[in-house]
Amino acid sequence: MEFNEYQNKAKETAEYPNSLNGAVFYTAIGLAGEVGELLNKIKKIARDNITLDKDDIAYELGDILWYLSELARAMNIDLDYVAIKNLEKLRSRKERGTIHGSGDHR
C-alpha cells in the first residue's frame, strides 16, 4: 500500500472537529497520546523483562500512523511527500557525514 492510498483510506474513519484548528489540534494531541501509549508498552517490556508482543506494538504503531496521516491531511500534506522529503533529508545528511548530531538543518 502506498502512503497516499493509506491516507485516503484513513480519512474514511476520521471523526473530529471540522475546523482547521480543531483538526490540527485534535490530531496532534492524539498523535502525542499514541506515542505515549507505545512508549509505555516499551517501558513495561524493559521493566518486566518480557518478550515484545509484536501485535501490541503493531497496533500502537498503526494508531500513530493514523494520527500522523490525519494531521498531515489536516495541513494539506500528502504522506508520500512527507516520506520523500524525509528520505532526501536523511540521504543528504549521510552523504555529508552529518547524520549524527542534532538540529533539523545540519
C-alpha atoms as a PDB file:
ATOM      1  CA  MET A   1       0.000   0.000   0.000  1.00  0.00           C
ATOM      2  CA  GLU A   2       1.276   3.460  -0.880  1.00  0.00           C
ATOM      3  CA  PHE A   3       1.278   6.191   1.751  1.00  0.00           C
ATOM      4  CA  ASN A   4      -1.244   8.339  -0.111  1.00  0.00           C
ATOM      5  CA  GLU A   5      -3.521   5.325  -0.533  1.00  0.00           C
ATOM      6  CA  TYR A   6      -3.359   4.737   3.221  1.00  0.00           C
ATOM      7  CA  GLN A   7      -4.071   8.423   3.825  1.00  0.00           C
ATOM      8  CA  ASN A   8      -7.171   8.294   1.636  1.00  0.00           C
ATOM      9  CA  LYS A   9      -8.456   5.181   3.388  1.00  0.00           C
ATOM     10  CA  ALA A  10      -7.656   6.560   6.853  1.00  0.00           C
ATOM     11  CA  LYS A  11      -9.807   9.647   6.293  1.00  0.00           C
ATOM     12  CA  GLU A  12     -12.841   7.378   5.931  1.00  0.00           C
ATOM     13  CA  THR A  13     -12.651   6.701   9.685  1.00  0.00           C
ATOM     14  CA  ALA A  14     -11.875  10.266  10.770  1.00  0.00           C
ATOM     15  CA  GLU A  15     -14.339  11.856  13.179  1.00  0.00           C
ATOM     16  CA  TYR A  16     -13.161  15.046  14.849  1.00  0.00           C
ATOM     17  CA  PRO A  17     -13.779  18.824  14.694  1.00  0.00           C
ATOM     18  CA  ASN A  18     -14.044  20.018  11.098  1.00  0.00           C
ATOM     19  CA  SER A  19     -12.308  23.363  11.511  1.00  0.00           C
ATOM     20  CA  LEU A  20      -8.640  23.526  10.525  1.00  0.00           C
ATOM     21  CA  ASN A  21      -7.539  24.401  14.047  1.00  0.00           C
ATOM     22  CA  GLY A  22      -9.783  21.732  15.546  1.00  0.00           C
ATOM     23  CA  ALA A  23      -8.456  19.069  13.196  1.00  0.00           C
ATOM     24  CA  VAL A  24      -4.818  20.064  13.690  1.00  0.00           C
ATOM     25  CA  PHE A  25      -5.050  20.223  17.474  1.00  0.00           C
ATOM     26  CA  TYR A  26      -7.085  17.024  17.767  1.00  0.00           C
ATOM     27  CA  THR A  27      -4.775  15.000  15.563  1.00  0.00           C
ATOM     28  CA  ALA A  28      -1.557  16.432  17.042  1.00  0.00           C
ATOM     29  CA  ILE A  29      -2.707  15.707  20.592  1.00  0.00           C
ATOM     30  CA  GLY A  30      -3.922  12.255  19.531  1.00  0.00           C
ATOM     31  CA  LEU A  31      -0.544  11.556  17.931  1.00  0.00           C
ATOM     32  CA  ALA A  32       1.268  12.507  21.121  1.00  0.00           C
ATOM     33  CA  GLY A  33      -1.073  10.307  23.159  1.00  0.00           C
ATOM     34  CA  GLU A  34      -0.476   7.297  20.923  1.00  0.00           C
ATOM     35  CA  VAL A  35       3.293   7.783  21.062  1.00  0.00           C
ATOM     36  CA  GLY A  36       2.909   7.827  24.841  1.00  0.00           C
ATOM     37  CA  GLU A  37       0.985   4.542  24.742  1.00  0.00           C
ATOM     38  CA  LEU A  38       3.723   2.948  22.622  1.00  0.00           C
ATOM     39  CA  LEU A  39       6.432   4.178  24.979  1.00  0.00           C
ATOM     40  CA  ASN A  40       4.506   2.854  27.963  1.00  0.00           C
ATOM     41  CA  LYS A  41       4.398  -0.624  26.398  1.00  0.00           C
ATOM     42  CA  ILE A  42       8.111  -0.454  25.644  1.00  0.00           C
ATOM     43  CA  LYS A  43       8.793   0.697  29.209  1.00  0.00           C
ATOM     44  CA  LYS A  44       6.958  -2.344  30.548  1.00  0.00           C
ATOM     45  CA  ILE A  45       8.963  -4.613  28.250  1.00  0.00           C
ATOM     46  CA  ALA A  46      12.165  -3.181  29.714  1.00  0.00           C
ATOM     47  CA  ARG A  47      10.906  -3.054  33.311  1.00  0.00           C
ATOM     48  CA  ASP A  48       9.396  -6.525  33.424  1.00  0.00           C
ATOM     49  CA  ASN A  49      11.965  -8.113  31.087  1.00  0.00           C
ATOM     50  CA  ILE A  50       9.201  -9.558  28.932  1.00  0.00           C
ATOM     51  CA  THR A  51       9.193 -10.542  25.278  1.00  0.00           C
ATOM     52  CA  LEU A  52       7.997  -7.958  22.812  1.00  0.00           C
ATOM     53  CA  ASP A  53       4.414  -8.618  21.724  1.00  0.00           C
ATOM     54  CA  LYS A  54       4.650  -7.831  18.031  1.00  0.00           C
ATOM     55  CA  ASP A  55       0.882  -7.409  17.576  1.00  0.00           C
ATOM     56  CA  ASP A  56       0.561  -4.992  20.519  1.00  0.00           C
ATOM     57  CA  ILE A  57       3.375  -2.874  19.140  1.00  0.00           C
ATOM     58  CA  ALA A  58       1.943  -3.066  15.610  1.00  0.00           C
ATOM     59  CA  TYR A  59      -1.438  -1.823  16.888  1.00  0.00           C
ATOM     60  CA  GLU A  60       0.181   1.145  18.598  1.00  0.00           C
ATOM     61  CA  LEU A  61       2.292   1.925  15.520  1.00  0.00           C
ATOM     62  CA  GLY A  62      -0.891   1.732  13.450  1.00  0.00           C
ATOM     63  CA  ASP A  63      -2.601   4.257  15.721  1.00  0.00           C
ATOM     64  CA  ILE A  64       0.435   6.525  15.402  1.00  0.00           C
ATOM     65  CA  LEU A  65       0.326   6.169  11.619  1.00  0.00           C
ATOM     66  CA  TRP A  66      -3.388   7.029  11.571  1.00  0.00           C
ATOM     67  CA  TYR A  67      -2.932  10.219  13.601  1.00  0.00           C
ATOM     68  CA  LEU A  68       0.152  11.184  11.582  1.00  0.00           C
ATOM     69  CA  SER A  69      -1.799  10.637   8.375  1.00  0.00           C
ATOM     70  CA  GLU A  70      -4.733  12.702   9.578  1.00  0.00           C
ATOM     71  CA  LEU A  71      -2.501  15.506  10.904  1.00  0.00           C
ATOM     72  CA  ALA A  72      -0.767  15.706   7.536  1.00  0.00           C
ATOM     73  CA  ARG A  73      -4.137  15.683   5.758  1.00  0.00           C
ATOM     74  CA  ALA A  74      -5.460  18.455   8.023  1.00  0.00           C
ATOM     75  CA  MET A  75      -2.462  20.509   6.928  1.00  0.00           C
ATOM     76  CA  ASN A  76      -2.949  19.543   3.261  1.00  0.00           C
ATOM     77  CA  ILE A  77       0.259  17.486   3.074  1.00  0.00           C
ATOM     78  CA  ASP A  78       0.426  14.126   1.306  1.00  0.00           C
ATOM     79  CA  LEU A  79       2.145  11.320   3.207  1.00  0.00           C
ATOM     80  CA  ASP A  80       4.080  10.360   0.067  1.00  0.00           C
ATOM     81  CA  TYR A  81       5.541  13.887   0.102  1.00  0.00           C
ATOM     82  CA  VAL A  82       6.461  13.545   3.788  1.00  0.00           C
ATOM     83  CA  ALA A  83       8.204  10.225   3.151  1.00  0.00           C
ATOM     84  CA  ILE A  84      10.111  11.509   0.107  1.00  0.00           C
ATOM     85  CA  LYS A  85      11.280  14.684   1.863  1.00  0.00           C
ATOM     86  CA  ASN A  86      12.382  12.686   4.911  1.00  0.00           C
ATOM     87  CA  LEU A  87      14.457  10.254   2.843  1.00  0.00           C
ATOM     88  CA  GLU A  88      16.012  13.129   0.874  1.00  0.00           C
ATOM     89  CA  LYS A  89      16.991  14.858   4.126  1.00  0.00           C
ATOM     90  CA  LEU A  90      18.491  11.707   5.640  1.00  0.00           C
ATOM     91  CA  ARG A  91      20.334  10.784   2.435  1.00  0.00           C
ATOM     92  CA  SER A  92      21.829  14.273   2.287  1.00  0.00           C
ATOM     93  CA  ARG A  93      22.943  14.072   5.912  1.00  0.00           C
ATOM     94  CA  LYS A  94      24.568  10.696   5.339  1.00  0.00           C
ATOM     95  CA  GLU A  95      26.377  11.921   2.224  1.00  0.00           C
ATOM     96  CA  ARG A  96      27.658  14.994   4.105  1.00  0.00           C
ATOM     97  CA  GLY A  97      28.576  12.988   7.203  1.00  0.00           C
ATOM     98  CA  THR A  98      26.104  14.886   9.388  1.00  0.00           C
ATOM     99  CA  ILE A  99      23.640  12.106  10.164  1.00  0.00           C
ATOM    100  CA  HIS A 100      24.802  12.192  13.794  1.00  0.00           C
ATOM    101  CA  GLY A 101      24.212  15.271  15.893  1.00  0.00           C
ATOM    102  CA  SER A 102      21.170  17.413  16.424  1.00  0.00           C
ATOM    103  CA  GLY A 103      19.195  20.080  14.632  1.00  0.00           C
ATOM    104  CA  ASP A 104      16.878  19.881  11.655  1.00  0.00           C
ATOM    105  CA  HIS A 105      19.091  21.787   9.214  1.00  0.00           C
ATOM    106  CA  ARG A 106      22.508  20.202   9.676  1.00  0.00           C
END
